Every structure is written in C-alpha cells, then in structure tokens.
Protein backbone atom coordinates (compact mmCIF):
# COMPACT_ATOMS: atom_id res chain seq x y z
CA MET A 1 69.16 73.88 99.47
CA LYS A 2 67.65 74.53 96.15
CA PHE A 3 64.95 71.99 94.85
CA PHE A 4 65.23 71.52 91.64
CA ILE A 5 62.23 69.63 89.76
CA ASP A 6 62.96 66.61 87.50
CA THR A 7 60.74 66.30 84.45
CA ALA A 8 59.87 67.78 81.08
CA ASP A 9 55.91 68.16 82.03
CA ILE A 10 55.03 71.50 81.41
CA ALA A 11 52.01 71.83 82.88
CA ALA A 12 53.43 70.41 86.53
CA ILE A 13 56.61 72.70 85.97
CA ARG A 14 54.46 75.68 85.51
CA GLU A 15 52.31 74.74 88.44
CA LEU A 16 55.45 73.91 90.82
CA ALA A 17 56.90 77.05 89.83
CA GLN A 18 54.01 79.13 90.92
CA THR A 19 54.88 78.33 94.25
CA GLY A 20 57.77 80.36 94.64
CA LEU A 21 59.40 77.25 95.62
CA LEU A 22 61.15 75.92 92.49
CA ASP A 23 64.96 76.87 92.17
CA GLY A 24 65.59 75.17 88.30
CA VAL A 25 64.35 71.87 86.41
CA THR A 26 66.56 68.65 85.31
CA THR A 27 65.34 66.97 82.54
CA ASN A 28 66.96 63.82 80.54
CA PRO A 29 65.97 61.93 77.29
CA SER A 30 63.75 59.21 78.77
CA LEU A 31 61.61 62.50 80.37
CA VAL A 32 61.86 64.00 76.98
CA ALA A 33 60.69 61.17 75.21
CA LYS A 34 57.69 60.67 77.75
CA THR A 35 56.26 63.77 76.37
CA GLY A 36 56.16 63.63 72.86
CA ARG A 37 57.20 66.99 72.19
CA GLU A 38 60.13 68.34 70.29
CA PHE A 39 62.61 69.02 71.97
CA PHE A 40 63.81 72.60 71.06
CA GLU A 41 59.96 74.30 71.86
CA MET A 42 60.05 72.39 74.91
CA LEU A 43 63.46 73.64 75.96
CA ARG A 44 62.09 76.97 75.19
CA ASP A 45 58.55 76.75 77.30
CA ILE A 46 60.54 75.13 80.23
CA CYS A 47 63.07 77.74 80.11
CA ALA A 48 60.27 80.66 79.98
CA ALA A 49 58.58 79.25 83.25
CA VAL A 50 61.24 78.84 85.23
CA PRO A 51 64.35 81.50 86.10
CA GLY A 52 66.59 79.15 87.07
CA PRO A 53 68.77 76.26 85.36
CA VAL A 54 67.30 74.44 83.42
CA SER A 55 69.05 70.96 82.42
CA ALA A 56 69.13 69.76 78.59
CA GLU A 57 71.12 66.18 78.06
CA VAL A 58 73.51 65.94 74.99
CA ALA A 59 72.88 63.17 72.86
CA ALA A 60 76.37 62.55 72.04
CA ILE A 61 78.87 59.94 73.00
CA GLU A 62 82.28 61.60 72.03
CA SER A 63 83.58 64.82 72.74
CA GLU A 64 83.92 66.85 69.62
CA ALA A 65 79.70 66.40 69.12
CA MET A 66 79.16 66.94 72.87
CA ILE A 67 80.27 69.85 72.85
CA ALA A 68 78.46 71.18 69.64
CA GLU A 69 75.52 69.99 70.88
CA GLY A 70 76.16 71.96 73.89
CA ARG A 71 76.90 74.86 72.15
CA ARG A 72 73.50 74.41 69.92
CA LEU A 73 71.66 74.06 73.15
CA ALA A 74 72.92 76.89 75.09
CA GLU A 75 71.72 78.95 72.53
CA VAL A 76 67.84 78.60 73.70
CA ALA A 77 68.24 80.27 76.50
CA ASP A 78 70.40 81.93 79.37
CA ASN A 79 69.45 79.79 81.72
CA ILE A 80 70.44 76.29 80.18
CA THR A 81 72.37 73.89 81.21
CA VAL A 82 74.43 71.24 79.47
CA LYS A 83 74.22 67.73 80.76
CA VAL A 84 76.78 65.35 79.73
CA PRO A 85 78.25 62.38 81.07
CA LEU A 86 80.73 61.36 83.51
CA THR A 87 82.95 59.88 81.27
CA TRP A 88 86.39 61.26 79.78
CA GLU A 89 84.65 62.19 76.69
CA GLY A 90 81.88 63.94 78.78
CA LEU A 91 84.73 65.59 81.04
CA LYS A 92 86.44 66.76 78.21
CA ALA A 93 83.27 68.12 76.57
CA CYS A 94 82.52 69.52 80.17
CA ARG A 95 86.00 71.54 80.61
CA ALA A 96 85.60 72.78 76.57
CA LEU A 97 81.83 73.89 77.56
CA SER A 98 82.34 75.21 80.95
CA GLY A 99 85.58 77.77 79.13
CA ASP A 100 83.07 79.41 77.32
CA GLY A 101 81.14 80.21 79.87
CA ILE A 102 78.53 77.93 79.75
CA MET A 103 76.71 75.91 82.38
CA VAL A 104 76.83 71.97 82.74
CA ASN A 105 75.94 69.06 84.70
CA VAL A 106 77.55 66.20 84.66
CA THR A 107 75.76 63.69 85.26
CA LEU A 108 75.55 59.90 86.28
CA CYS A 109 78.21 59.88 88.80
CA PHE A 110 78.25 57.07 91.24
CA SER A 111 81.71 57.79 93.21
CA ALA A 112 83.56 60.16 94.79
CA ASN A 113 86.31 60.00 93.00
CA GLN A 114 84.20 60.81 89.52
CA ALA A 115 82.29 64.27 91.41
CA LEU A 116 86.29 65.29 92.03
CA LEU A 117 86.91 64.44 88.50
CA ALA A 118 83.81 66.72 87.49
CA ALA A 119 84.78 69.32 89.32
CA LYS A 120 88.12 69.59 88.45
CA ALA A 121 86.96 69.47 84.63
CA GLY A 122 85.15 72.72 86.02
CA ALA A 123 81.28 71.39 86.53
CA THR A 124 79.20 73.76 87.36
CA PHE A 125 76.76 70.71 88.77
CA VAL A 126 77.74 67.08 89.87
CA SER A 127 74.58 64.65 90.00
CA PRO A 128 75.36 61.93 92.31
CA PHE A 129 72.22 59.01 91.38
CA VAL A 130 71.45 58.45 95.62
CA GLY A 131 68.18 56.25 93.97
CA ARG A 132 69.84 53.75 92.07
CA ILE A 133 72.71 53.59 94.50
CA ASP A 134 70.00 52.08 97.25
CA ASP A 135 69.04 49.76 94.13
CA ILE A 136 72.12 48.12 94.38
CA ALA A 137 72.22 47.22 98.04
CA TYR A 138 74.59 50.53 98.64
CA ASP A 139 73.63 53.72 100.95
CA GLY A 140 73.23 56.49 98.18
CA MET A 141 73.13 59.03 100.48
CA GLU A 142 76.87 57.85 101.89
CA LEU A 143 78.32 58.83 98.56
CA ILE A 144 76.51 62.20 98.76
CA ALA A 145 78.18 62.88 102.08
CA GLU A 146 81.82 61.50 101.15
CA ILE A 147 81.26 63.97 98.27
CA LYS A 148 80.47 66.99 100.79
CA THR A 149 83.12 66.53 102.54
CA LEU A 150 85.95 66.15 99.40
CA PHE A 151 84.61 69.26 98.58
CA ASP A 152 85.03 71.15 101.45
CA ASN A 153 88.24 70.07 101.63
CA TYR A 154 89.51 72.52 98.92
CA ASP A 155 87.87 76.26 98.27
CA GLU A 156 88.99 76.13 94.69
CA LEU A 157 86.27 73.66 94.10
CA THR A 158 82.93 75.42 93.48
CA THR A 159 80.88 72.35 91.78
CA GLN A 160 77.54 72.40 93.44
CA ILE A 161 76.44 68.84 94.27
CA LEU A 162 73.09 68.15 92.60
CA VAL A 163 71.28 65.06 94.81
CA ALA A 164 69.08 62.98 91.64
CA SER A 165 67.37 59.79 91.31
CA VAL A 166 65.62 61.18 94.57
CA ARG A 167 63.03 58.77 95.74
CA SER A 168 61.26 59.85 98.89
CA PRO A 169 61.16 62.90 101.00
CA ASN A 170 63.54 61.08 103.37
CA HIS A 171 66.37 61.75 100.72
CA VAL A 172 65.53 65.42 100.39
CA ARG A 173 65.42 65.15 104.25
CA GLN A 174 68.83 63.54 104.25
CA ALA A 175 70.38 65.57 101.76
CA ALA A 176 69.59 68.92 103.20
CA LEU A 177 70.87 67.26 106.80
CA ILE A 178 74.42 66.55 104.93
CA GLY A 179 74.89 69.73 103.40
CA ALA A 180 73.92 69.50 99.92
CA ASP A 181 73.09 71.97 97.32
CA VAL A 182 70.77 71.13 95.25
CA ALA A 183 68.14 67.52 95.02
CA THR A 184 66.62 67.63 91.91
CA ILE A 185 62.90 65.91 92.66
CA PRO A 186 60.09 64.14 91.16
CA PRO A 187 56.68 66.08 90.77
CA ASP A 188 55.06 64.13 93.53
CA VAL A 189 58.30 63.66 95.85
CA LEU A 190 58.03 67.55 96.13
CA ARG A 191 54.53 67.97 96.60
CA SER A 192 54.56 65.50 99.35
CA LEU A 193 57.12 67.06 101.52
CA VAL A 194 54.38 69.25 102.42
CA LYS A 195 52.34 66.55 104.13
CA HIS A 196 51.85 65.65 107.88
CA PRO A 197 48.97 64.12 109.29
CA LEU A 198 49.45 65.72 112.12
CA THR A 199 49.08 69.03 110.31
CA ASP A 200 45.73 67.47 108.23
CA ILE A 201 44.14 66.97 111.86
CA GLY A 202 45.69 69.72 113.58
CA LEU A 203 44.10 72.48 110.72
CA GLU A 204 40.39 70.26 110.79
CA ASN A 205 40.65 70.77 114.66
CA PHE A 206 41.27 74.47 114.48
CA LEU A 207 38.42 75.27 111.38
CA LYS A 208 35.80 73.10 113.53
CA ASP A 209 36.88 75.23 116.72
CA TRP A 210 36.37 78.63 115.02
CA ASN A 211 33.52 77.79 113.08
CA ARG A 212 31.23 76.86 116.33
CA THR A 213 32.36 81.37 117.01
CA GLY A 214 30.04 82.02 114.24
CA GLN A 215 32.29 85.03 113.10
CA THR A 216 33.99 85.37 109.44
CA ILE A 217 37.48 87.48 108.85
CA LEU A 218 35.91 88.72 105.94
C-alpha cells in the first residue's frame, strides 16, 4: 500500500520524504488555509519535494469552471493530481480532465455507489473518508471493503482506492489488510506507525547488554 501524507506543511513533507517511505501528498482548502502561504508557490514547493502524486483541489463548483481550474493546476508540475468533489459537476470535470491525461482524485466519497461513478468517470483515485463515516456511528472500513470488492469485480476499473480521513494507526492497518491502494495519513499518525512499547524495551535491553561488553563497532 502506498503512503501519502495529508498536509500542506512543507517542513513536515520534506522531513518525511527523507525516509523514502512517502509516495505522495494530498492537500485540501482547509490544509492550505492553515499554512497562510500563496497557493501556487506552496504547490510548487510540495511537488518538488516528492516524486509522487500531489493532490490539489479546485475551488469551483460548476464543471466548466472546475475544468478550467484543473487545467491551470496541472500546469504547476507533472505530478499534480487535480482534486474534484464527488458531485455530478465534479464527475463531468473528472471525465474531461482525465481525457486530457491529467490525474484526477475524486474526493468526499461516502458510498460504494459514489465510488463506482468516480471510477466510470475515469478517476485516477477515489477518496472515501473513513474517519468521517466513523463519526456518524457507521464503519468507515466496511466501506473500503465494499469498494475493494466492487472494483475487483471489473478488470476495466483501474481507479485506485485512496483511504482518506485516517485518524489512527488502526485505520492504516485495516486499510492494508483490505487491500486498499493508498492511505493518505496525517504526519503524526504516519510517525506513530513505527511505535511499539516492546520495541523500545527490547532496544533498551540490547543497548545495556552491549555496553556491558565494553566494545565498540567503530
């Protein structure tokens, strides 16, 4: 499974990109607003920091305006993925932009039917929001499993499942077990994946034993 980071914080992106574990970045208007930076300058910095897809969202709500904005965003860098909402207007824009050879991420997906429509519209990615589904007392990961089963039924559907609104390491684990293509993860959740108390205890014990030998490797 690919790891995208869900942020517009260029410092966090550069730090995590140095691990070699980062496959892409997703942004949205809320994340952009938090930075206080000029939008296109920020996008250029992010696209230069990671080799993989960088999702940048349109602000329009009508298809023709979405298409125009999407084409403008795609000029920023070859790895830009234009993000459009899962509405009829967004699906029309997705079809046009994907027809231009532009990667498209259809966002705000909350049902398997919506995911099917996005796939048929030519989306590169569809983004189901598991955390927000959990928030209303439904099972977000059940939706991921439904979409995975649906897509696996049809070889012609090549849209990747991008698990969004990830809140915990458990969401990441479950997404990987189901076979989702991508999880887009907040920086703190991504960093937490490496943590386990037994790892810390084991390392501490190994270092104590090594120090007792009085030896060095270098």
